[in-house]
């Protein structure tokens, strides 16, 4: 786990960029519509635009990882846990079958799941110096 802590800033940066990029990749192919859905496009906006949430969470993770605030590091852990839960919910929503139609998962949805989990992993083991905030002891464990 020292490896993750040592390189968590770079892991966060790479995973966040890949997460944002995966929102533009095809997530599922629906054979009845002959269309691929992404994080930004669904037929008649049925599944919404989960790319918005995932992109904002990726940017928040980058900011929390590179700024030396203990509060941000702790808040980042909560936000990335919510992000993984939302990513899993999105995966289930996009890949579940309806009626007799089975959507075909594409690589983008797996990249999205993996990057969300990597962001949580890097939030668990932050690196860098922490500045002491008023009333908070930085030596206290996360």
N, C-alpha and C. Protein backbone atom coordinates (compact mmCIF):
# COMPACT_ATOMS: atom_id res chain seq x y z
N UNK A 1 0.80 -1.19 0.00
CA UNK A 1 0.00 0.00 0.00
C UNK A 1 0.85 1.26 0.00
N UNK A 2 2.12 1.13 0.33
CA UNK A 2 2.99 2.30 0.26
C UNK A 2 3.11 2.81 -1.17
N UNK A 3 3.06 1.88 -2.12
CA UNK A 3 3.15 2.26 -3.52
C UNK A 3 2.00 3.18 -3.90
N UNK A 4 0.79 2.83 -3.44
CA UNK A 4 -0.38 3.66 -3.75
C UNK A 4 -0.24 5.02 -3.09
N UNK A 5 0.18 5.06 -1.83
CA UNK A 5 0.34 6.33 -1.13
C UNK A 5 1.40 7.21 -1.74
N UNK A 6 2.47 6.58 -2.21
CA UNK A 6 3.57 7.34 -2.78
C UNK A 6 3.19 7.99 -4.10
N UNK A 7 2.41 7.29 -4.91
CA UNK A 7 2.06 7.79 -6.23
C UNK A 7 0.58 8.12 -6.36
N UNK A 8 -0.09 8.41 -5.24
CA UNK A 8 -1.53 8.61 -5.30
C UNK A 8 -1.93 9.87 -6.08
N UNK A 9 -1.09 10.89 -6.07
CA UNK A 9 -1.42 12.09 -6.86
C UNK A 9 -1.45 11.77 -8.35
N UNK A 10 -0.48 11.01 -8.79
CA UNK A 10 -0.42 10.68 -10.21
C UNK A 10 -1.47 9.64 -10.59
N UNK A 11 -1.75 8.73 -9.68
CA UNK A 11 -2.82 7.77 -9.90
C UNK A 11 -4.16 8.48 -10.02
N UNK A 12 -4.37 9.48 -9.16
CA UNK A 12 -5.60 10.27 -9.23
C UNK A 12 -5.71 11.01 -10.54
N UNK A 13 -4.63 11.64 -10.95
CA UNK A 13 -4.65 12.42 -12.18
C UNK A 13 -4.94 11.53 -13.40
N UNK A 14 -4.28 10.40 -13.49
CA UNK A 14 -4.48 9.49 -14.62
C UNK A 14 -5.88 8.89 -14.59
N UNK A 15 -6.33 8.43 -13.41
CA UNK A 15 -7.66 7.83 -13.32
C UNK A 15 -8.76 8.85 -13.60
N UNK A 16 -8.58 10.09 -13.16
CA UNK A 16 -9.59 11.12 -13.39
C UNK A 16 -9.70 11.46 -14.88
N UNK A 17 -8.56 11.59 -15.55
CA UNK A 17 -8.58 11.88 -16.98
C UNK A 17 -9.21 10.72 -17.76
N UNK A 18 -8.86 9.49 -17.37
CA UNK A 18 -9.47 8.33 -18.02
C UNK A 18 -10.96 8.23 -17.73
N UNK A 19 -11.38 8.60 -16.52
CA UNK A 19 -12.80 8.58 -16.18
C UNK A 19 -13.58 9.57 -17.03
N UNK A 20 -13.04 10.76 -17.17
CA UNK A 20 -13.71 11.75 -18.02
C UNK A 20 -13.73 11.28 -19.47
N UNK A 21 -12.63 10.70 -19.93
CA UNK A 21 -12.58 10.18 -21.29
C UNK A 21 -13.53 9.01 -21.51
N UNK A 22 -13.71 8.17 -20.49
CA UNK A 22 -14.60 7.02 -20.64
C UNK A 22 -16.06 7.44 -20.79
N UNK A 23 -16.39 8.62 -20.32
CA UNK A 23 -17.78 9.10 -20.48
C UNK A 23 -18.11 9.37 -21.95
N UNK A 24 -17.10 9.55 -22.77
CA UNK A 24 -17.33 9.78 -24.20
C UNK A 24 -17.24 8.49 -25.02
N UNK A 25 -16.77 7.41 -24.39
CA UNK A 25 -16.67 6.13 -25.07
C UNK A 25 -18.03 5.43 -25.04
N UNK A 26 -18.26 4.49 -25.99
CA UNK A 26 -19.52 3.72 -25.93
C UNK A 26 -19.55 2.84 -24.67
N UNK A 27 -20.68 2.89 -23.96
CA UNK A 27 -20.85 2.08 -22.77
C UNK A 27 -21.62 0.80 -23.07
N UNK A 28 -22.70 0.93 -23.80
CA UNK A 28 -23.50 -0.24 -24.17
C UNK A 28 -24.04 -0.06 -25.58
N UNK A 29 -24.27 -1.19 -26.24
CA UNK A 29 -24.89 -1.18 -27.56
C UNK A 29 -26.26 -1.83 -27.43
N UNK A 30 -27.28 -1.14 -27.89
CA UNK A 30 -28.64 -1.66 -27.84
C UNK A 30 -29.02 -2.13 -29.24
N UNK A 31 -29.14 -3.46 -29.45
CA UNK A 31 -29.41 -3.99 -30.79
C UNK A 31 -30.79 -3.62 -31.33
N UNK A 32 -31.77 -3.41 -30.46
CA UNK A 32 -33.11 -3.05 -30.95
C UNK A 32 -33.14 -1.63 -31.51
N UNK A 33 -32.32 -0.75 -30.98
CA UNK A 33 -32.24 0.63 -31.48
C UNK A 33 -31.11 0.82 -32.48
N UNK A 34 -30.19 -0.14 -32.50
CA UNK A 34 -28.98 -0.07 -33.33
C UNK A 34 -28.16 1.18 -32.99
N UNK A 35 -28.05 1.46 -31.68
CA UNK A 35 -27.32 2.63 -31.20
C UNK A 35 -26.47 2.26 -30.01
N UNK A 36 -25.37 2.99 -29.85
CA UNK A 36 -24.52 2.86 -28.67
C UNK A 36 -24.82 4.02 -27.74
N UNK A 37 -24.91 3.72 -26.46
CA UNK A 37 -25.13 4.75 -25.45
C UNK A 37 -23.80 5.07 -24.78
N UNK A 38 -23.62 6.32 -24.43
CA UNK A 38 -22.42 6.77 -23.73
C UNK A 38 -22.83 7.42 -22.41
N UNK A 39 -21.89 8.01 -21.73
CA UNK A 39 -22.21 8.74 -20.51
C UNK A 39 -22.91 10.06 -20.78
N UNK A 40 -22.88 10.50 -22.02
CA UNK A 40 -23.51 11.77 -22.38
C UNK A 40 -24.71 11.60 -23.30
N UNK A 41 -24.93 10.40 -23.87
CA UNK A 41 -26.03 10.21 -24.80
C UNK A 41 -26.80 8.94 -24.49
N UNK A 42 -28.10 9.07 -24.37
CA UNK A 42 -29.02 7.94 -24.35
C UNK A 42 -30.22 8.32 -25.20
N UNK A 43 -30.91 7.33 -25.71
CA UNK A 43 -32.08 7.58 -26.55
C UNK A 43 -33.15 8.31 -25.72
N UNK A 44 -33.55 9.47 -26.18
CA UNK A 44 -34.54 10.32 -25.49
C UNK A 44 -34.14 10.63 -24.04
N UNK A 45 -32.86 10.59 -23.77
CA UNK A 45 -32.31 10.89 -22.45
C UNK A 45 -32.94 10.01 -21.35
N UNK A 46 -33.19 8.75 -21.69
CA UNK A 46 -33.85 7.81 -20.78
C UNK A 46 -33.01 7.56 -19.53
N UNK A 47 -31.71 7.39 -19.68
CA UNK A 47 -30.84 7.09 -18.54
C UNK A 47 -30.17 8.34 -17.97
N UNK A 48 -30.51 9.49 -18.47
CA UNK A 48 -29.90 10.72 -18.00
C UNK A 48 -28.50 10.90 -18.57
N UNK A 49 -27.71 11.73 -17.92
CA UNK A 49 -26.33 11.99 -18.33
C UNK A 49 -25.40 11.78 -17.15
N UNK A 50 -25.07 10.53 -16.86
CA UNK A 50 -24.18 10.28 -15.71
C UNK A 50 -22.78 10.82 -15.92
N UNK A 51 -22.43 11.18 -17.15
CA UNK A 51 -21.12 11.77 -17.41
C UNK A 51 -20.92 13.08 -16.67
N UNK A 52 -22.00 13.82 -16.41
CA UNK A 52 -21.88 15.07 -15.66
C UNK A 52 -21.37 14.80 -14.25
N UNK A 53 -22.05 13.90 -13.53
CA UNK A 53 -21.66 13.58 -12.16
C UNK A 53 -20.24 13.03 -12.11
N UNK A 54 -19.95 12.07 -12.99
CA UNK A 54 -18.65 11.42 -12.96
C UNK A 54 -17.52 12.40 -13.28
N UNK A 55 -17.75 13.31 -14.21
CA UNK A 55 -16.73 14.31 -14.56
C UNK A 55 -16.49 15.28 -13.41
N UNK A 56 -17.56 15.73 -12.78
CA UNK A 56 -17.41 16.65 -11.64
C UNK A 56 -16.67 15.96 -10.50
N UNK A 57 -17.01 14.71 -10.22
CA UNK A 57 -16.32 13.98 -9.16
C UNK A 57 -14.84 13.77 -9.47
N UNK A 58 -14.52 13.55 -10.74
CA UNK A 58 -13.12 13.40 -11.13
C UNK A 58 -12.36 14.71 -10.89
N UNK A 59 -12.95 15.83 -11.21
CA UNK A 59 -12.30 17.12 -11.00
C UNK A 59 -12.16 17.43 -9.51
N UNK A 60 -13.16 17.08 -8.72
CA UNK A 60 -13.08 17.28 -7.27
C UNK A 60 -11.96 16.43 -6.69
N UNK A 61 -11.81 15.22 -7.18
CA UNK A 61 -10.77 14.33 -6.69
C UNK A 61 -9.37 14.89 -7.00
N UNK A 62 -9.22 15.44 -8.18
CA UNK A 62 -7.92 16.05 -8.53
C UNK A 62 -7.62 17.22 -7.59
N UNK A 63 -8.62 18.08 -7.37
CA UNK A 63 -8.41 19.24 -6.49
C UNK A 63 -8.09 18.80 -5.07
N UNK A 64 -8.81 17.82 -4.57
CA UNK A 64 -8.59 17.37 -3.19
C UNK A 64 -7.24 16.69 -3.03
N UNK A 65 -6.77 16.04 -4.07
CA UNK A 65 -5.50 15.34 -3.98
C UNK A 65 -4.30 16.29 -4.03
N UNK A 66 -4.43 17.38 -4.79
CA UNK A 66 -3.29 18.27 -4.97
C UNK A 66 -3.26 19.45 -3.99
N UNK A 67 -4.37 19.73 -3.29
CA UNK A 67 -4.37 20.80 -2.30
C UNK A 67 -4.05 20.22 -0.92
N UNK A 68 -3.28 20.92 -0.10
CA UNK A 68 -2.80 20.34 1.16
C UNK A 68 -3.74 20.54 2.35
N UNK A 69 -5.01 20.31 2.17
CA UNK A 69 -5.96 20.49 3.26
C UNK A 69 -6.44 19.13 3.78
N UNK A 70 -6.40 18.97 5.09
CA UNK A 70 -6.84 17.72 5.69
C UNK A 70 -8.34 17.52 5.50
N UNK A 71 -9.10 18.61 5.61
CA UNK A 71 -10.54 18.51 5.40
C UNK A 71 -10.86 18.02 3.99
N UNK A 72 -10.15 18.54 3.00
CA UNK A 72 -10.38 18.10 1.62
C UNK A 72 -10.04 16.63 1.43
N UNK A 73 -8.98 16.17 2.08
CA UNK A 73 -8.60 14.75 1.96
C UNK A 73 -9.70 13.86 2.53
N UNK A 74 -10.25 14.25 3.66
CA UNK A 74 -11.31 13.46 4.28
C UNK A 74 -12.61 13.55 3.49
N UNK A 75 -12.93 14.73 3.01
CA UNK A 75 -14.14 14.89 2.19
C UNK A 75 -14.01 14.12 0.88
N UNK A 76 -12.79 14.06 0.35
CA UNK A 76 -12.54 13.32 -0.88
C UNK A 76 -12.85 11.84 -0.70
N UNK A 77 -12.53 11.30 0.45
CA UNK A 77 -12.82 9.90 0.72
C UNK A 77 -14.33 9.63 0.65
N UNK A 78 -15.12 10.50 1.26
CA UNK A 78 -16.57 10.36 1.21
C UNK A 78 -17.09 10.52 -0.22
N UNK A 79 -16.60 11.53 -0.92
CA UNK A 79 -17.07 11.78 -2.28
C UNK A 79 -16.72 10.64 -3.23
N UNK A 80 -15.54 10.06 -3.08
CA UNK A 80 -15.16 8.95 -3.96
C UNK A 80 -15.92 7.68 -3.63
N UNK A 81 -16.30 7.50 -2.37
CA UNK A 81 -17.15 6.35 -2.01
C UNK A 81 -18.53 6.52 -2.66
N UNK A 82 -19.05 7.73 -2.63
CA UNK A 82 -20.33 7.99 -3.32
C UNK A 82 -20.17 7.82 -4.82
N UNK A 83 -19.03 8.20 -5.35
CA UNK A 83 -18.77 8.07 -6.78
C UNK A 83 -18.74 6.60 -7.21
N UNK A 84 -18.12 5.74 -6.41
CA UNK A 84 -18.09 4.31 -6.73
C UNK A 84 -19.50 3.73 -6.67
N UNK A 85 -20.28 4.13 -5.68
CA UNK A 85 -21.66 3.65 -5.59
C UNK A 85 -22.47 4.10 -6.80
N UNK A 86 -22.29 5.34 -7.23
CA UNK A 86 -23.00 5.84 -8.40
C UNK A 86 -22.52 5.15 -9.67
N UNK A 87 -21.23 4.86 -9.76
CA UNK A 87 -20.70 4.16 -10.93
C UNK A 87 -21.28 2.75 -11.02
N UNK A 88 -21.38 2.06 -9.88
CA UNK A 88 -21.96 0.72 -9.88
C UNK A 88 -23.44 0.77 -10.25
N UNK A 89 -24.16 1.75 -9.71
CA UNK A 89 -25.57 1.93 -10.05
C UNK A 89 -25.73 2.20 -11.55
N UNK A 90 -24.87 3.02 -12.11
CA UNK A 90 -24.92 3.32 -13.54
C UNK A 90 -24.61 2.08 -14.36
N UNK A 91 -23.65 1.29 -13.93
CA UNK A 91 -23.33 0.05 -14.63
C UNK A 91 -24.54 -0.88 -14.69
N UNK A 92 -25.20 -1.05 -13.55
CA UNK A 92 -26.37 -1.92 -13.51
C UNK A 92 -27.48 -1.35 -14.37
N UNK A 93 -27.68 -0.05 -14.31
CA UNK A 93 -28.75 0.60 -15.08
C UNK A 93 -28.53 0.44 -16.59
N UNK A 94 -27.31 0.60 -17.04
CA UNK A 94 -27.02 0.53 -18.46
C UNK A 94 -26.98 -0.90 -19.00
N UNK A 95 -26.61 -1.87 -18.18
CA UNK A 95 -26.40 -3.22 -18.70
C UNK A 95 -27.54 -4.20 -18.41
N UNK A 96 -28.53 -3.79 -17.63
CA UNK A 96 -29.60 -4.75 -17.34
C UNK A 96 -30.50 -4.89 -18.57
N UNK A 97 -31.05 -6.09 -18.72
CA UNK A 97 -31.92 -6.34 -19.86
C UNK A 97 -33.35 -5.88 -19.55
N UNK A 98 -34.04 -5.52 -20.59
CA UNK A 98 -35.43 -5.14 -20.46
C UNK A 98 -36.20 -5.90 -21.53
N UNK A 99 -37.28 -6.56 -21.11
CA UNK A 99 -38.05 -7.37 -22.05
C UNK A 99 -37.19 -8.50 -22.57
N UNK A 100 -37.09 -8.57 -23.89
CA UNK A 100 -36.24 -9.61 -24.51
C UNK A 100 -34.95 -9.03 -25.05
N UNK A 101 -34.70 -7.75 -24.79
CA UNK A 101 -33.52 -7.08 -25.32
C UNK A 101 -32.41 -7.11 -24.27
N UNK A 102 -31.25 -7.60 -24.69
CA UNK A 102 -30.07 -7.61 -23.83
C UNK A 102 -29.04 -6.65 -24.41
N UNK A 103 -28.77 -5.51 -23.72
CA UNK A 103 -27.74 -4.61 -24.22
C UNK A 103 -26.36 -5.26 -24.11
N UNK A 104 -25.50 -4.94 -25.04
CA UNK A 104 -24.14 -5.48 -25.06
C UNK A 104 -23.19 -4.47 -24.43
N UNK A 105 -22.58 -4.81 -23.28
CA UNK A 105 -21.62 -3.87 -22.67
C UNK A 105 -20.41 -3.65 -23.57
N UNK A 106 -19.96 -2.42 -23.60
CA UNK A 106 -18.80 -2.02 -24.38
C UNK A 106 -17.66 -1.68 -23.42
N UNK A 107 -16.43 -1.55 -23.91
CA UNK A 107 -15.29 -1.30 -23.02
C UNK A 107 -15.39 -0.04 -22.17
N UNK A 108 -16.08 0.98 -22.63
CA UNK A 108 -16.15 2.24 -21.90
C UNK A 108 -16.75 2.11 -20.52
N UNK A 109 -17.73 1.23 -20.37
CA UNK A 109 -18.38 1.09 -19.06
C UNK A 109 -17.46 0.40 -18.06
N UNK A 110 -16.60 -0.49 -18.55
CA UNK A 110 -15.63 -1.13 -17.66
C UNK A 110 -14.52 -0.17 -17.27
N UNK A 111 -14.11 0.68 -18.18
CA UNK A 111 -13.11 1.70 -17.87
C UNK A 111 -13.65 2.66 -16.82
N UNK A 112 -14.94 3.02 -16.96
CA UNK A 112 -15.58 3.92 -16.00
C UNK A 112 -15.59 3.30 -14.60
N UNK A 113 -15.95 2.03 -14.50
CA UNK A 113 -15.96 1.35 -13.20
C UNK A 113 -14.56 1.26 -12.61
N UNK A 114 -13.59 0.87 -13.40
CA UNK A 114 -12.22 0.72 -12.92
C UNK A 114 -11.65 2.05 -12.45
N UNK A 115 -11.86 3.10 -13.23
CA UNK A 115 -11.32 4.42 -12.84
C UNK A 115 -11.98 4.95 -11.57
N UNK A 116 -13.27 4.69 -11.40
CA UNK A 116 -13.95 5.12 -10.17
C UNK A 116 -13.36 4.40 -8.97
N UNK A 117 -13.07 3.12 -9.11
CA UNK A 117 -12.46 2.37 -8.01
C UNK A 117 -11.03 2.84 -7.74
N UNK A 118 -10.29 3.19 -8.79
CA UNK A 118 -8.93 3.70 -8.59
C UNK A 118 -8.94 5.05 -7.87
N UNK A 119 -9.93 5.89 -8.17
CA UNK A 119 -10.04 7.17 -7.47
C UNK A 119 -10.33 6.95 -5.99
N UNK A 120 -11.16 5.96 -5.67
CA UNK A 120 -11.40 5.65 -4.27
C UNK A 120 -10.14 5.12 -3.59
N UNK A 121 -9.40 4.28 -4.28
CA UNK A 121 -8.16 3.75 -3.74
C UNK A 121 -7.15 4.86 -3.46
N UNK A 122 -7.04 5.80 -4.37
CA UNK A 122 -6.10 6.90 -4.15
C UNK A 122 -6.59 7.85 -3.06
N UNK A 123 -7.91 7.92 -2.84
CA UNK A 123 -8.43 8.74 -1.74
C UNK A 123 -8.18 8.07 -0.39
N UNK A 124 -8.11 6.75 -0.38
CA UNK A 124 -7.83 6.02 0.86
C UNK A 124 -6.40 6.25 1.34
N UNK A 125 -5.47 6.42 0.41
CA UNK A 125 -4.06 6.58 0.74
C UNK A 125 -3.51 7.87 0.14
N UNK A 126 -3.89 9.04 0.69
CA UNK A 126 -3.41 10.30 0.13
C UNK A 126 -1.93 10.50 0.40
N UNK A 127 -1.30 11.27 -0.45
CA UNK A 127 0.11 11.59 -0.25
C UNK A 127 0.28 13.09 -0.10
N UNK A 128 1.47 13.47 0.29
CA UNK A 128 1.77 14.90 0.38
C UNK A 128 1.70 15.41 1.80
N UNK A 129 2.14 16.63 1.96
CA UNK A 129 2.14 17.29 3.26
C UNK A 129 0.75 17.84 3.55
N UNK A 130 0.37 17.76 4.81
CA UNK A 130 -0.90 18.32 5.24
C UNK A 130 -0.63 19.57 6.06
N UNK A 131 -1.35 20.63 5.77
CA UNK A 131 -1.18 21.81 6.59
C UNK A 131 -2.12 21.70 7.79
N UNK A 132 -1.65 22.17 8.92
CA UNK A 132 -2.43 22.08 10.14
C UNK A 132 -3.54 23.12 10.11
N UNK A 133 -4.77 22.63 10.28
CA UNK A 133 -5.92 23.53 10.32
C UNK A 133 -6.31 23.76 11.76
N UNK A 134 -7.04 24.81 11.98
CA UNK A 134 -7.43 25.17 13.33
C UNK A 134 -8.32 24.08 13.96
N UNK A 135 -7.88 23.51 15.05
CA UNK A 135 -8.68 22.53 15.77
C UNK A 135 -8.56 21.10 15.24
N UNK A 136 -7.75 20.87 14.21
CA UNK A 136 -7.60 19.54 13.64
C UNK A 136 -6.14 19.13 13.73
N UNK A 137 -5.91 17.95 14.26
CA UNK A 137 -4.56 17.42 14.39
C UNK A 137 -4.24 16.59 13.15
N UNK A 138 -3.28 17.00 12.30
CA UNK A 138 -3.00 16.25 11.07
C UNK A 138 -2.40 14.88 11.32
N UNK A 139 -1.91 14.62 12.53
CA UNK A 139 -1.35 13.29 12.79
C UNK A 139 -2.45 12.27 13.08
N UNK A 140 -3.68 12.74 13.25
CA UNK A 140 -4.80 11.84 13.49
C UNK A 140 -5.10 11.05 12.23
N UNK A 141 -5.36 9.75 12.33
CA UNK A 141 -5.59 8.94 11.12
C UNK A 141 -6.87 9.35 10.42
N UNK A 142 -6.86 9.13 9.09
CA UNK A 142 -8.06 9.42 8.30
C UNK A 142 -9.10 8.43 8.69
